[in-house]
């Protein structure tokens, strides 16, 4: 009986150690200058979707990853802090080609933009109307008929 308990403790220790090896805290550098700003998502071993490989490895210390998003349904807004004249790019990616709805609201729930997006696996768009938005925080929301949704907050300066 003692041998079984001892073996279980060793197995649990190994499993716990492998989970701890997912992130290397010595490699975390939040201000690392990633040259590639394009949205090319990777799923980290911590089950978090990162903007691209540079963000995962260099800014967050991820040791293992797979290509693509973790959930198969993601929304990215870049830059998430934008000056008045900046062009904001939104990228929607999903694993299946299904139509989705897009909505842009302020923090008080006022809807500024509402659109249906085409049924594509990846759809990147720039909203010219964003140049005319008043300064403040906004929420970009995307959802599909199955009830999946994602939202991203950004600030217009």
C-alpha atoms as a PDB file:
ATOM      1  CA  UNK A   1       0.000   0.000   0.000  1.00  0.00           C
ATOM      2  CA  UNK A   2       2.839   2.403   0.850  1.00  0.00           C
ATOM      3  CA  UNK A   3       4.484   1.667  -2.486  1.00  0.00           C
ATOM      4  CA  UNK A   4       1.278   2.542  -4.361  1.00  0.00           C
ATOM      5  CA  UNK A   5       0.902   5.813  -2.474  1.00  0.00           C
ATOM      6  CA  UNK A   6       4.568   6.619  -3.097  1.00  0.00           C
ATOM      7  CA  UNK A   7       4.222   5.892  -6.833  1.00  0.00           C
ATOM      8  CA  UNK A   8       1.077   8.051  -7.049  1.00  0.00           C
ATOM      9  CA  UNK A   9       2.885  10.933  -5.348  1.00  0.00           C
ATOM     10  CA  UNK A  10       5.764  10.657  -7.832  1.00  0.00           C
ATOM     11  CA  UNK A  11       3.378  10.551 -10.828  1.00  0.00           C
ATOM     12  CA  UNK A  12       1.445  13.572  -9.561  1.00  0.00           C
ATOM     13  CA  UNK A  13       4.707  15.425  -9.022  1.00  0.00           C
ATOM     14  CA  UNK A  14       5.846  14.708 -12.581  1.00  0.00           C
ATOM     15  CA  UNK A  15       2.486  15.805 -14.029  1.00  0.00           C
ATOM     16  CA  UNK A  16       2.521  18.990 -11.982  1.00  0.00           C
ATOM     17  CA  UNK A  17       6.113  19.744 -13.005  1.00  0.00           C
ATOM     18  CA  UNK A  18       5.304  19.318 -16.720  1.00  0.00           C
ATOM     19  CA  UNK A  19       2.447  21.803 -16.339  1.00  0.00           C
ATOM     20  CA  UNK A  20       4.770  24.262 -14.609  1.00  0.00           C
ATOM     21  CA  UNK A  21       7.172  23.924 -17.557  1.00  0.00           C
ATOM     22  CA  UNK A  22       4.651  25.543 -19.882  1.00  0.00           C
ATOM     23  CA  UNK A  23       5.844  29.094 -19.130  1.00  0.00           C
ATOM     24  CA  UNK A  24       9.461  30.119 -18.647  1.00  0.00           C
ATOM     25  CA  UNK A  25       9.317  33.139 -16.348  1.00  0.00           C
ATOM     26  CA  UNK A  26      12.874  34.119 -17.343  1.00  0.00           C
ATOM     27  CA  UNK A  27      11.714  34.622 -20.954  1.00  0.00           C
ATOM     28  CA  UNK A  28       8.797  36.927 -20.104  1.00  0.00           C
ATOM     29  CA  UNK A  29       9.496  40.403 -21.475  1.00  0.00           C
ATOM     30  CA  UNK A  30       6.259  42.420 -21.915  1.00  0.00           C
ATOM     31  CA  UNK A  31       8.050  45.208 -23.796  1.00  0.00           C
ATOM     32  CA  UNK A  32       9.925  42.943 -26.227  1.00  0.00           C
ATOM     33  CA  UNK A  33       9.871  44.690 -29.634  1.00  0.00           C
ATOM     34  CA  UNK A  34       8.017  42.164 -31.794  1.00  0.00           C
ATOM     35  CA  UNK A  35       8.700  43.182 -35.412  1.00  0.00           C
ATOM     36  CA  UNK A  36       5.654  41.349 -36.786  1.00  0.00           C
ATOM     37  CA  UNK A  37       2.434  43.049 -35.716  1.00  0.00           C
ATOM     38  CA  UNK A  38       0.193  40.916 -37.934  1.00  0.00           C
ATOM     39  CA  UNK A  39      -2.469  38.775 -36.330  1.00  0.00           C
ATOM     40  CA  UNK A  40      -1.347  35.202 -36.862  1.00  0.00           C
ATOM     41  CA  UNK A  41      -2.709  33.461 -33.735  1.00  0.00           C
ATOM     42  CA  UNK A  42      -1.008  30.666 -31.854  1.00  0.00           C
ATOM     43  CA  UNK A  43      -2.425  28.642 -28.967  1.00  0.00           C
ATOM     44  CA  UNK A  44      -0.037  28.503 -26.036  1.00  0.00           C
ATOM     45  CA  UNK A  45       0.377  25.468 -23.800  1.00  0.00           C
ATOM     46  CA  UNK A  46      -1.477  27.531 -21.161  1.00  0.00           C
ATOM     47  CA  UNK A  47      -4.566  27.480 -23.451  1.00  0.00           C
ATOM     48  CA  UNK A  48      -4.328  31.215 -24.175  1.00  0.00           C
ATOM     49  CA  UNK A  49      -4.498  32.545 -27.740  1.00  0.00           C
ATOM     50  CA  UNK A  50      -1.613  34.905 -28.514  1.00  0.00           C
ATOM     51  CA  UNK A  51      -1.489  37.470 -31.321  1.00  0.00           C
ATOM     52  CA  UNK A  52       1.482  35.759 -32.993  1.00  0.00           C
ATOM     53  CA  UNK A  53       4.503  33.609 -32.200  1.00  0.00           C
ATOM     54  CA  UNK A  54       6.638  36.540 -31.020  1.00  0.00           C
ATOM     55  CA  UNK A  55       4.015  37.592 -28.467  1.00  0.00           C
ATOM     56  CA  UNK A  56       3.745  34.009 -27.175  1.00  0.00           C
ATOM     57  CA  UNK A  57       7.457  33.200 -26.918  1.00  0.00           C
ATOM     58  CA  UNK A  58       9.120  36.515 -26.137  1.00  0.00           C
ATOM     59  CA  UNK A  59       6.509  38.594 -24.344  1.00  0.00           C
ATOM     60  CA  UNK A  60       4.808  35.782 -22.416  1.00  0.00           C
ATOM     61  CA  UNK A  61       7.462  33.062 -22.068  1.00  0.00           C
ATOM     62  CA  UNK A  62       5.413  30.263 -23.645  1.00  0.00           C
ATOM     63  CA  UNK A  63       7.504  27.163 -24.292  1.00  0.00           C
ATOM     64  CA  UNK A  64       5.049  25.102 -26.391  1.00  0.00           C
ATOM     65  CA  UNK A  65       2.358  26.171 -28.824  1.00  0.00           C
ATOM     66  CA  UNK A  66       0.207  25.097 -31.757  1.00  0.00           C
ATOM     67  CA  UNK A  67      -0.742  27.156 -34.797  1.00  0.00           C
ATOM     68  CA  UNK A  68      -4.171  28.807 -34.711  1.00  0.00           C
ATOM     69  CA  UNK A  69      -6.424  30.004 -31.932  1.00  0.00           C
ATOM     70  CA  UNK A  70      -7.257  27.902 -28.896  1.00  0.00           C
ATOM     71  CA  UNK A  71     -11.016  28.284 -29.224  1.00  0.00           C
ATOM     72  CA  UNK A  72     -11.432  28.418 -33.003  1.00  0.00           C
ATOM     73  CA  UNK A  73     -13.323  31.713 -32.668  1.00  0.00           C
ATOM     74  CA  UNK A  74     -11.292  34.901 -32.063  1.00  0.00           C
ATOM     75  CA  UNK A  75     -11.397  38.662 -32.554  1.00  0.00           C
ATOM     76  CA  UNK A  76      -8.341  40.909 -32.616  1.00  0.00           C
ATOM     77  CA  UNK A  77      -8.217  44.713 -32.577  1.00  0.00           C
ATOM     78  CA  UNK A  78      -5.000  46.543 -33.394  1.00  0.00           C
ATOM     79  CA  UNK A  79      -3.926  48.934 -32.047  1.00  0.00           C
ATOM     80  CA  UNK A  80      -5.973  48.658 -28.872  1.00  0.00           C
ATOM     81  CA  UNK A  81      -5.003  52.211 -27.885  1.00  0.00           C
ATOM     82  CA  UNK A  82      -5.459  54.400 -30.952  1.00  0.00           C
ATOM     83  CA  UNK A  83      -4.897  58.080 -31.634  1.00  0.00           C
ATOM     84  CA  UNK A  84      -7.604  59.989 -33.489  1.00  0.00           C
ATOM     85  CA  UNK A  85      -5.899  59.582 -36.879  1.00  0.00           C
ATOM     86  CA  UNK A  86      -4.886  55.902 -36.424  1.00  0.00           C
ATOM     87  CA  UNK A  87      -6.450  53.242 -38.603  1.00  0.00           C
ATOM     88  CA  UNK A  88      -7.772  50.412 -36.462  1.00  0.00           C
ATOM     89  CA  UNK A  89      -7.657  46.932 -37.974  1.00  0.00           C
ATOM     90  CA  UNK A  90     -10.005  44.217 -36.748  1.00  0.00           C
ATOM     91  CA  UNK A  91      -9.371  40.584 -37.567  1.00  0.00           C
ATOM     92  CA  UNK A  92     -11.937  37.868 -37.035  1.00  0.00           C
ATOM     93  CA  UNK A  93     -10.895  34.234 -37.333  1.00  0.00           C
ATOM     94  CA  UNK A  94     -12.869  31.044 -36.885  1.00  0.00           C
ATOM     95  CA  UNK A  95     -12.300  27.365 -37.586  1.00  0.00           C
ATOM     96  CA  UNK A  96     -15.546  26.952 -39.579  1.00  0.00           C
ATOM     97  CA  UNK A  97     -16.951  29.216 -42.265  1.00  0.00           C
ATOM     98  CA  UNK A  98     -20.083  30.652 -40.643  1.00  0.00           C
ATOM     99  CA  UNK A  99     -21.601  34.081 -40.779  1.00  0.00           C
ATOM    100  CA  UNK A 100     -21.127  36.290 -37.742  1.00  0.00           C
ATOM    101  CA  UNK A 101     -22.401  39.612 -36.475  1.00  0.00           C
ATOM    102  CA  UNK A 102     -20.176  42.505 -35.477  1.00  0.00           C
ATOM    103  CA  UNK A 103     -21.112  45.289 -33.123  1.00  0.00           C
ATOM    104  CA  UNK A 104     -19.177  48.270 -31.808  1.00  0.00           C
ATOM    105  CA  UNK A 105     -20.484  49.834 -28.603  1.00  0.00           C
ATOM    106  CA  UNK A 106     -19.235  52.349 -26.087  1.00  0.00           C
ATOM    107  CA  UNK A 107     -19.000  51.495 -22.391  1.00  0.00           C
ATOM    108  CA  UNK A 108     -22.547  52.772 -21.831  1.00  0.00           C
ATOM    109  CA  UNK A 109     -23.979  50.372 -24.423  1.00  0.00           C
ATOM    110  CA  UNK A 110     -24.593  52.848 -27.233  1.00  0.00           C
ATOM    111  CA  UNK A 111     -24.273  51.000 -30.544  1.00  0.00           C
ATOM    112  CA  UNK A 112     -22.102  52.834 -33.092  1.00  0.00           C
ATOM    113  CA  UNK A 113     -21.696  50.166 -35.765  1.00  0.00           C
ATOM    114  CA  UNK A 114     -23.530  46.914 -36.451  1.00  0.00           C
ATOM    115  CA  UNK A 115     -22.771  44.635 -39.401  1.00  0.00           C
ATOM    116  CA  UNK A 116     -23.056  41.065 -40.602  1.00  0.00           C
ATOM    117  CA  UNK A 117     -19.704  39.570 -41.570  1.00  0.00           C
ATOM    118  CA  UNK A 118     -19.264  37.091 -44.417  1.00  0.00           C
ATOM    119  CA  UNK A 119     -18.920  33.363 -43.778  1.00  0.00           C
ATOM    120  CA  UNK A 120     -15.135  33.113 -44.015  1.00  0.00           C
ATOM    121  CA  UNK A 121     -12.470  31.487 -41.866  1.00  0.00           C
ATOM    122  CA  UNK A 122     -10.542  34.752 -41.639  1.00  0.00           C
ATOM    123  CA  UNK A 123     -11.861  38.224 -42.214  1.00  0.00           C
ATOM    124  CA  UNK A 124      -9.814  41.382 -41.746  1.00  0.00           C
ATOM    125  CA  UNK A 125     -11.428  44.774 -41.967  1.00  0.00           C
ATOM    126  CA  UNK A 126     -10.805  48.434 -41.252  1.00  0.00           C
ATOM    127  CA  UNK A 127     -13.706  50.650 -40.348  1.00  0.00           C
ATOM    128  CA  UNK A 128     -13.302  54.121 -41.796  1.00  0.00           C
ATOM    129  CA  UNK A 129     -16.071  55.299 -39.465  1.00  0.00           C
ATOM    130  CA  UNK A 130     -13.745  54.829 -36.481  1.00  0.00           C
ATOM    131  CA  UNK A 131     -11.876  58.012 -37.399  1.00  0.00           C
ATOM    132  CA  UNK A 132     -15.014  59.956 -36.497  1.00  0.00           C
ATOM    133  CA  UNK A 133     -15.695  58.224 -33.189  1.00  0.00           C
ATOM    134  CA  UNK A 134     -15.520  60.433 -30.103  1.00  0.00           C
ATOM    135  CA  UNK A 135     -12.655  59.803 -27.718  1.00  0.00           C
ATOM    136  CA  UNK A 136     -13.190  57.127 -25.106  1.00  0.00           C
ATOM    137  CA  UNK A 137     -13.314  53.388 -24.430  1.00  0.00           C
ATOM    138  CA  UNK A 138     -15.127  51.011 -26.805  1.00  0.00           C
ATOM    139  CA  UNK A 139     -15.989  47.349 -27.009  1.00  0.00           C
ATOM    140  CA  UNK A 140     -15.877  45.392 -30.276  1.00  0.00           C
ATOM    141  CA  UNK A 141     -18.146  42.339 -30.080  1.00  0.00           C
ATOM    142  CA  UNK A 142     -18.480  39.476 -32.508  1.00  0.00           C
ATOM    143  CA  UNK A 143     -20.986  36.632 -32.221  1.00  0.00           C
ATOM    144  CA  UNK A 144     -22.406  33.849 -34.358  1.00  0.00           C
ATOM    145  CA  UNK A 145     -25.797  32.083 -34.519  1.00  0.00           C
ATOM    146  CA  UNK A 146     -24.470  29.250 -32.312  1.00  0.00           C
ATOM    147  CA  UNK A 147     -24.018  31.667 -29.421  1.00  0.00           C
ATOM    148  CA  UNK A 148     -20.221  31.875 -29.531  1.00  0.00           C
ATOM    149  CA  UNK A 149     -18.925  35.366 -28.903  1.00  0.00           C
ATOM    150  CA  UNK A 150     -15.747  37.325 -28.281  1.00  0.00           C
ATOM    151  CA  UNK A 151     -15.181  40.903 -27.286  1.00  0.00           C
ATOM    152  CA  UNK A 152     -12.155  43.167 -27.246  1.00  0.00           C
ATOM    153  CA  UNK A 153     -11.841  46.517 -25.516  1.00  0.00           C
ATOM    154  CA  UNK A 154      -9.947  49.397 -27.050  1.00  0.00           C
ATOM    155  CA  UNK A 155      -9.494  53.101 -26.431  1.00  0.00           C
ATOM    156  CA  UNK A 156      -9.781  55.946 -28.904  1.00  0.00           C
ATOM    157  CA  UNK A 157      -7.599  58.894 -27.794  1.00  0.00           C
END
